[in-house]
């Protein structure tokens, strides 16, 4: 039986536990973590947990101090990983862990941490980006339009595609872009035999 999705209380607990990790560790926050997990799951070959978990509690993958209790963090993160894995495999809608900032924040600023987490996964696990498939360009552009163009080195084709895009009008549209782009990338890196139907959009919990 599949484990249930994390509740809001469990997400808050996960954030507290990540915040409590001692220096020099630089753990991901839950929004960046969510994008990171999606990036891990979109690799054309499964990434072993021992490889991807090390970047959850430190973005550089440094070894945590001996005896540091990480079991609960890993349990919660593995549950989210499994939930996202099921959604991606089925090409179902999922609710990204993206939360509204202050009233002045643009949609791009709000989803930026999620996209930064995705980009972190691409940096540590580059197999998806190494695929030679033109179908990757547009969904990657939808995601990477939220990053600073200066962060996209040697990506002329991707930058050219980004120039053709209109910024999302609101947060709902930006979040929809995250999910739809994820599933379109999965069509390339994790193909299924049957055609994909558009994911049914659900109401975000938070």
C-alpha atoms as a PDB file:
ATOM      1  CA  UNK A   1       0.000   0.000   0.000  1.00  0.00           C
ATOM      2  CA  UNK A   2       1.307   3.442  -0.966  1.00  0.00           C
ATOM      3  CA  UNK A   3       2.228   5.776   1.871  1.00  0.00           C
ATOM      4  CA  UNK A   4      -0.057   8.815   2.087  1.00  0.00           C
ATOM      5  CA  UNK A   5       1.137  12.224   0.875  1.00  0.00           C
ATOM      6  CA  UNK A   6       2.817  14.356   3.499  1.00  0.00           C
ATOM      7  CA  UNK A   7       0.370  16.486   5.456  1.00  0.00           C
ATOM      8  CA  UNK A   8       0.951  20.201   5.952  1.00  0.00           C
ATOM      9  CA  UNK A   9       2.020  19.391   9.511  1.00  0.00           C
ATOM     10  CA  UNK A  10       4.617  16.914   8.244  1.00  0.00           C
ATOM     11  CA  UNK A  11       5.905  19.397   5.654  1.00  0.00           C
ATOM     12  CA  UNK A  12       6.332  21.961   8.417  1.00  0.00           C
ATOM     13  CA  UNK A  13       8.114  19.342  10.532  1.00  0.00           C
ATOM     14  CA  UNK A  14      10.442  18.553   7.653  1.00  0.00           C
ATOM     15  CA  UNK A  15      11.278  22.239   7.244  1.00  0.00           C
ATOM     16  CA  UNK A  16      12.014  22.573  10.967  1.00  0.00           C
ATOM     17  CA  UNK A  17      14.272  19.547  10.928  1.00  0.00           C
ATOM     18  CA  UNK A  18      16.163  20.828   7.893  1.00  0.00           C
ATOM     19  CA  UNK A  19      16.527  24.264   9.491  1.00  0.00           C
ATOM     20  CA  UNK A  20      17.946  22.631  12.625  1.00  0.00           C
ATOM     21  CA  UNK A  21      20.854  20.938  10.841  1.00  0.00           C
ATOM     22  CA  UNK A  22      24.142  22.429  12.052  1.00  0.00           C
ATOM     23  CA  UNK A  23      26.737  24.354  10.018  1.00  0.00           C
ATOM     24  CA  UNK A  24      28.578  23.907   7.795  1.00  0.00           C
ATOM     25  CA  UNK A  25      25.690  21.900   6.315  1.00  0.00           C
ATOM     26  CA  UNK A  26      23.489  23.919   3.944  1.00  0.00           C
ATOM     27  CA  UNK A  27      20.231  21.968   3.678  1.00  0.00           C
ATOM     28  CA  UNK A  28      17.582  22.602   1.061  1.00  0.00           C
ATOM     29  CA  UNK A  29      14.337  24.210   2.145  1.00  0.00           C
ATOM     30  CA  UNK A  30      11.160  22.301   1.310  1.00  0.00           C
ATOM     31  CA  UNK A  31      10.386  24.273  -1.864  1.00  0.00           C
ATOM     32  CA  UNK A  32      13.868  23.823  -3.296  1.00  0.00           C
ATOM     33  CA  UNK A  33      13.796  20.203  -2.143  1.00  0.00           C
ATOM     34  CA  UNK A  34      10.623  19.559  -4.100  1.00  0.00           C
ATOM     35  CA  UNK A  35      12.093  20.828  -7.358  1.00  0.00           C
ATOM     36  CA  UNK A  36      15.262  18.866  -6.640  1.00  0.00           C
ATOM     37  CA  UNK A  37      13.325  15.626  -6.206  1.00  0.00           C
ATOM     38  CA  UNK A  38      11.530  16.185  -9.502  1.00  0.00           C
ATOM     39  CA  UNK A  39      14.879  16.722 -11.213  1.00  0.00           C
ATOM     40  CA  UNK A  40      16.191  13.493  -9.698  1.00  0.00           C
ATOM     41  CA  UNK A  41      13.119  11.562 -10.812  1.00  0.00           C
ATOM     42  CA  UNK A  42      13.331  12.819 -14.399  1.00  0.00           C
ATOM     43  CA  UNK A  43      16.709  11.206 -14.977  1.00  0.00           C
ATOM     44  CA  UNK A  44      16.590   8.544 -17.705  1.00  0.00           C
ATOM     45  CA  UNK A  45      17.945   5.978 -15.258  1.00  0.00           C
ATOM     46  CA  UNK A  46      16.883   5.760 -11.596  1.00  0.00           C
ATOM     47  CA  UNK A  47      19.270   7.523  -9.239  1.00  0.00           C
ATOM     48  CA  UNK A  48      20.061   5.428  -6.136  1.00  0.00           C
ATOM     49  CA  UNK A  49      18.805   6.968  -2.905  1.00  0.00           C
ATOM     50  CA  UNK A  50      22.303   6.966  -1.413  1.00  0.00           C
ATOM     51  CA  UNK A  51      23.380   9.328  -4.203  1.00  0.00           C
ATOM     52  CA  UNK A  52      20.531  11.842  -4.137  1.00  0.00           C
ATOM     53  CA  UNK A  53      19.849  11.924  -0.375  1.00  0.00           C
ATOM     54  CA  UNK A  54      23.281  13.393   0.379  1.00  0.00           C
ATOM     55  CA  UNK A  55      22.312  16.660  -1.322  1.00  0.00           C
ATOM     56  CA  UNK A  56      19.112  17.030   0.714  1.00  0.00           C
ATOM     57  CA  UNK A  57      20.877  17.916   3.948  1.00  0.00           C
ATOM     58  CA  UNK A  58      23.689  19.742   2.181  1.00  0.00           C
ATOM     59  CA  UNK A  59      23.486  21.273  -1.297  1.00  0.00           C
ATOM     60  CA  UNK A  60      27.157  20.438  -1.836  1.00  0.00           C
ATOM     61  CA  UNK A  61      26.798  16.858  -0.651  1.00  0.00           C
ATOM     62  CA  UNK A  62      29.117  17.180   2.332  1.00  0.00           C
ATOM     63  CA  UNK A  63      29.119  14.306   4.787  1.00  0.00           C
ATOM     64  CA  UNK A  64      27.037  15.154   7.877  1.00  0.00           C
ATOM     65  CA  UNK A  65      28.624  14.916  11.332  1.00  0.00           C
ATOM     66  CA  UNK A  66      28.708  11.401  12.716  1.00  0.00           C
ATOM     67  CA  UNK A  67      25.693  10.595  14.846  1.00  0.00           C
ATOM     68  CA  UNK A  68      23.506  13.357  13.420  1.00  0.00           C
ATOM     69  CA  UNK A  69      19.912  12.031  13.519  1.00  0.00           C
ATOM     70  CA  UNK A  70      18.701  12.135   9.925  1.00  0.00           C
ATOM     71  CA  UNK A  71      16.354   9.141   9.933  1.00  0.00           C
ATOM     72  CA  UNK A  72      13.154  11.177  10.260  1.00  0.00           C
ATOM     73  CA  UNK A  73      14.258  13.654   7.579  1.00  0.00           C
ATOM     74  CA  UNK A  74      15.039  10.797   5.222  1.00  0.00           C
ATOM     75  CA  UNK A  75      11.726   9.081   5.959  1.00  0.00           C
ATOM     76  CA  UNK A  76       9.730  12.190   5.105  1.00  0.00           C
ATOM     77  CA  UNK A  77      11.802  12.964   2.021  1.00  0.00           C
ATOM     78  CA  UNK A  78      11.531   9.404   0.727  1.00  0.00           C
ATOM     79  CA  UNK A  79       7.736   9.602   1.071  1.00  0.00           C
ATOM     80  CA  UNK A  80       7.630  12.753  -1.047  1.00  0.00           C
ATOM     81  CA  UNK A  81      10.022  11.154  -3.528  1.00  0.00           C
ATOM     82  CA  UNK A  82       7.691   8.148  -3.801  1.00  0.00           C
ATOM     83  CA  UNK A  83       4.614  10.361  -4.189  1.00  0.00           C
ATOM     84  CA  UNK A  84       6.221  12.359  -6.993  1.00  0.00           C
ATOM     85  CA  UNK A  85       7.501   9.178  -8.620  1.00  0.00           C
ATOM     86  CA  UNK A  86       3.964   7.784  -8.804  1.00  0.00           C
ATOM     87  CA  UNK A  87       2.575  11.007 -10.252  1.00  0.00           C
ATOM     88  CA  UNK A  88       5.295  11.269 -12.888  1.00  0.00           C
ATOM     89  CA  UNK A  89       5.013   7.604 -13.851  1.00  0.00           C
ATOM     90  CA  UNK A  90       1.242   7.972 -14.301  1.00  0.00           C
ATOM     91  CA  UNK A  91       1.546  11.455 -15.846  1.00  0.00           C
ATOM     92  CA  UNK A  92      -0.782  12.756 -13.137  1.00  0.00           C
ATOM     93  CA  UNK A  93      -1.023  16.272 -11.776  1.00  0.00           C
ATOM     94  CA  UNK A  94       0.899  16.873  -8.545  1.00  0.00           C
ATOM     95  CA  UNK A  95       0.944  19.873  -6.237  1.00  0.00           C
ATOM     96  CA  UNK A  96       4.427  21.430  -6.181  1.00  0.00           C
ATOM     97  CA  UNK A  97       5.538  22.695  -2.791  1.00  0.00           C
ATOM     98  CA  UNK A  98       5.383  26.327  -3.863  1.00  0.00           C
ATOM     99  CA  UNK A  99       4.118  28.887  -1.376  1.00  0.00           C
ATOM    100  CA  UNK A 100       3.105  32.492  -1.828  1.00  0.00           C
ATOM    101  CA  UNK A 101       5.603  35.125  -0.748  1.00  0.00           C
ATOM    102  CA  UNK A 102       4.749  38.755  -0.009  1.00  0.00           C
ATOM    103  CA  UNK A 103       2.307  40.739  -2.107  1.00  0.00           C
ATOM    104  CA  UNK A 104       5.065  42.322  -4.185  1.00  0.00           C
ATOM    105  CA  UNK A 105       6.558  39.003  -5.335  1.00  0.00           C
ATOM    106  CA  UNK A 106       6.101  38.130  -8.985  1.00  0.00           C
ATOM    107  CA  UNK A 107       5.054  34.621 -10.057  1.00  0.00           C
ATOM    108  CA  UNK A 108       8.620  33.992 -11.227  1.00  0.00           C
ATOM    109  CA  UNK A 109      10.078  35.054  -7.893  1.00  0.00           C
ATOM    110  CA  UNK A 110       7.675  32.750  -6.079  1.00  0.00           C
ATOM    111  CA  UNK A 111       8.530  29.627  -8.082  1.00  0.00           C
ATOM    112  CA  UNK A 112      12.252  30.454  -8.319  1.00  0.00           C
ATOM    113  CA  UNK A 113      13.311  28.297  -5.305  1.00  0.00           C
ATOM    114  CA  UNK A 114      11.531  25.277  -6.815  1.00  0.00           C
ATOM    115  CA  UNK A 115      13.250  25.810 -10.161  1.00  0.00           C
ATOM    116  CA  UNK A 116      16.590  26.340  -8.397  1.00  0.00           C
ATOM    117  CA  UNK A 117      16.143  22.940  -6.763  1.00  0.00           C
ATOM    118  CA  UNK A 118      15.433  21.393 -10.142  1.00  0.00           C
ATOM    119  CA  UNK A 119      18.558  23.058 -11.550  1.00  0.00           C
ATOM    120  CA  UNK A 120      20.593  21.708  -8.626  1.00  0.00           C
ATOM    121  CA  UNK A 121      19.497  18.185  -9.558  1.00  0.00           C
ATOM    122  CA  UNK A 122      20.542  18.831 -13.163  1.00  0.00           C
ATOM    123  CA  UNK A 123      23.972  19.969 -11.958  1.00  0.00           C
ATOM    124  CA  UNK A 124      24.553  16.867  -9.844  1.00  0.00           C
ATOM    125  CA  UNK A 125      22.822  14.402 -12.178  1.00  0.00           C
ATOM    126  CA  UNK A 126      23.259  15.628 -15.770  1.00  0.00           C
ATOM    127  CA  UNK A 127      21.966  12.607 -17.698  1.00  0.00           C
ATOM    128  CA  UNK A 128      18.655  14.275 -18.598  1.00  0.00           C
ATOM    129  CA  UNK A 129      20.375  17.369 -19.978  1.00  0.00           C
ATOM    130  CA  UNK A 130      22.730  15.161 -21.973  1.00  0.00           C
ATOM    131  CA  UNK A 131      19.871  13.623 -23.952  1.00  0.00           C
ATOM    132  CA  UNK A 132      19.891  14.767 -27.568  1.00  0.00           C
ATOM    133  CA  UNK A 133      16.191  15.415 -28.058  1.00  0.00           C
ATOM    134  CA  UNK A 134      14.651  18.637 -29.348  1.00  0.00           C
ATOM    135  CA  UNK A 135      11.493  17.907 -27.341  1.00  0.00           C
ATOM    136  CA  UNK A 136      13.374  18.880 -24.176  1.00  0.00           C
ATOM    137  CA  UNK A 137      13.955  22.493 -25.184  1.00  0.00           C
ATOM    138  CA  UNK A 138      10.503  24.009 -24.710  1.00  0.00           C
ATOM    139  CA  UNK A 139       9.630  22.461 -21.317  1.00  0.00           C
ATOM    140  CA  UNK A 140      13.109  23.275 -20.018  1.00  0.00           C
ATOM    141  CA  UNK A 141      12.651  26.855 -21.211  1.00  0.00           C
ATOM    142  CA  UNK A 142       9.341  27.106 -19.350  1.00  0.00           C
ATOM    143  CA  UNK A 143      11.191  26.137 -16.164  1.00  0.00           C
ATOM    144  CA  UNK A 144      14.417  28.048 -16.693  1.00  0.00           C
ATOM    145  CA  UNK A 145      12.713  31.311 -17.695  1.00  0.00           C
ATOM    146  CA  UNK A 146      12.483  31.963 -13.953  1.00  0.00           C
ATOM    147  CA  UNK A 147      16.274  31.895 -13.514  1.00  0.00           C
ATOM    148  CA  UNK A 148      18.704  34.727 -14.137  1.00  0.00           C
ATOM    149  CA  UNK A 149      19.886  34.412 -17.773  1.00  0.00           C
ATOM    150  CA  UNK A 150      23.459  34.840 -16.538  1.00  0.00           C
ATOM    151  CA  UNK A 151      23.092  31.483 -14.785  1.00  0.00           C
ATOM    152  CA  UNK A 152      22.477  29.736 -18.115  1.00  0.00           C
ATOM    153  CA  UNK A 153      25.962  29.498 -19.556  1.00  0.00           C
ATOM    154  CA  UNK A 154      26.502  27.885 -22.971  1.00  0.00           C
ATOM    155  CA  UNK A 155      22.755  27.443 -23.405  1.00  0.00           C
ATOM    156  CA  UNK A 156      22.097  29.579 -26.473  1.00  0.00           C
ATOM    157  CA  UNK A 157      19.299  27.370 -27.811  1.00  0.00           C
ATOM    158  CA  UNK A 158      17.545  27.373 -24.446  1.00  0.00           C
ATOM    159  CA  UNK A 159      17.928  31.142 -24.059  1.00  0.00           C
ATOM    160  CA  UNK A 160      16.529  31.667 -27.551  1.00  0.00           C
ATOM    161  CA  UNK A 161      13.474  29.577 -26.633  1.00  0.00           C
ATOM    162  CA  UNK A 162      13.017  31.515 -23.392  1.00  0.00           C
ATOM    163  CA  UNK A 163      12.927  34.753 -25.424  1.00  0.00           C
ATOM    164  CA  UNK A 164       9.787  33.482 -27.182  1.00  0.00           C
ATOM    165  CA  UNK A 165       7.878  32.904 -23.924  1.00  0.00           C
ATOM    166  CA  UNK A 166       5.451  35.247 -22.202  1.00  0.00           C
ATOM    167  CA  UNK A 167       5.981  35.421 -18.421  1.00  0.00           C
ATOM    168  CA  UNK A 168       3.220  33.713 -16.422  1.00  0.00           C
ATOM    169  CA  UNK A 169       0.337  36.058 -15.648  1.00  0.00           C
ATOM    170  CA  UNK A 170      -0.158  34.755 -12.120  1.00  0.00           C
ATOM    171  CA  UNK A 171       1.085  32.143  -9.689  1.00  0.00           C
ATOM    172  CA  UNK A 172      -1.451  29.541 -10.782  1.00  0.00           C
ATOM    173  CA  UNK A 173      -0.159  29.760 -14.345  1.00  0.00           C
ATOM    174  CA  UNK A 174       3.451  29.558 -13.158  1.00  0.00           C
ATOM    175  CA  UNK A 175       2.711  26.445 -11.079  1.00  0.00           C
ATOM    176  CA  UNK A 176       0.857  24.846 -13.964  1.00  0.00           C
ATOM    177  CA  UNK A 177       3.963  25.436 -16.063  1.00  0.00           C
ATOM    178  CA  UNK A 178       6.082  23.564 -13.512  1.00  0.00           C
ATOM    179  CA  UNK A 179       3.822  20.513 -13.576  1.00  0.00           C
ATOM    180  CA  UNK A 180       3.185  20.391 -17.315  1.00  0.00           C
ATOM    181  CA  UNK A 181       6.870  20.854 -18.087  1.00  0.00           C
ATOM    182  CA  UNK A 182       7.759  18.058 -15.663  1.00  0.00           C
ATOM    183  CA  UNK A 183       5.396  15.645 -17.394  1.00  0.00           C
ATOM    184  CA  UNK A 184       6.575  16.675 -20.864  1.00  0.00           C
ATOM    185  CA  UNK A 185      10.181  16.081 -19.831  1.00  0.00           C
ATOM    186  CA  UNK A 186       9.140  12.685 -18.487  1.00  0.00           C
ATOM    187  CA  UNK A 187       7.745  11.845 -21.924  1.00  0.00           C
ATOM    188  CA  UNK A 188      11.345  12.056 -23.178  1.00  0.00           C
ATOM    189  CA  UNK A 189      13.349  10.646 -20.275  1.00  0.00           C
ATOM    190  CA  UNK A 190      10.787   8.152 -18.943  1.00  0.00           C
ATOM    191  CA  UNK A 191       8.685   7.279 -22.015  1.00  0.00           C
ATOM    192  CA  UNK A 192       5.514   5.231 -21.774  1.00  0.00           C
ATOM    193  CA  UNK A 193       4.061   2.991 -24.456  1.00  0.00           C
ATOM    194  CA  UNK A 194       0.660   4.719 -24.468  1.00  0.00           C
ATOM    195  CA  UNK A 195       0.145   8.409 -25.330  1.00  0.00           C
ATOM    196  CA  UNK A 196       0.011  10.843 -22.441  1.00  0.00           C
ATOM    197  CA  UNK A 197      -3.255  12.567 -21.622  1.00  0.00           C
ATOM    198  CA  UNK A 198      -3.087  16.116 -20.234  1.00  0.00           C
ATOM    199  CA  UNK A 199      -2.807  16.070 -16.452  1.00  0.00           C
ATOM    200  CA  UNK A 200      -5.992  17.067 -14.646  1.00  0.00           C
ATOM    201  CA  UNK A 201      -5.300  20.136 -12.581  1.00  0.00           C
ATOM    202  CA  UNK A 202      -6.080  19.964  -8.859  1.00  0.00           C
ATOM    203  CA  UNK A 203      -6.422  22.672  -6.293  1.00  0.00           C
ATOM    204  CA  UNK A 204      -3.191  23.357  -4.400  1.00  0.00           C
ATOM    205  CA  UNK A 205      -3.329  22.664  -0.684  1.00  0.00           C
ATOM    206  CA  UNK A 206      -1.444  25.768   0.419  1.00  0.00           C
END
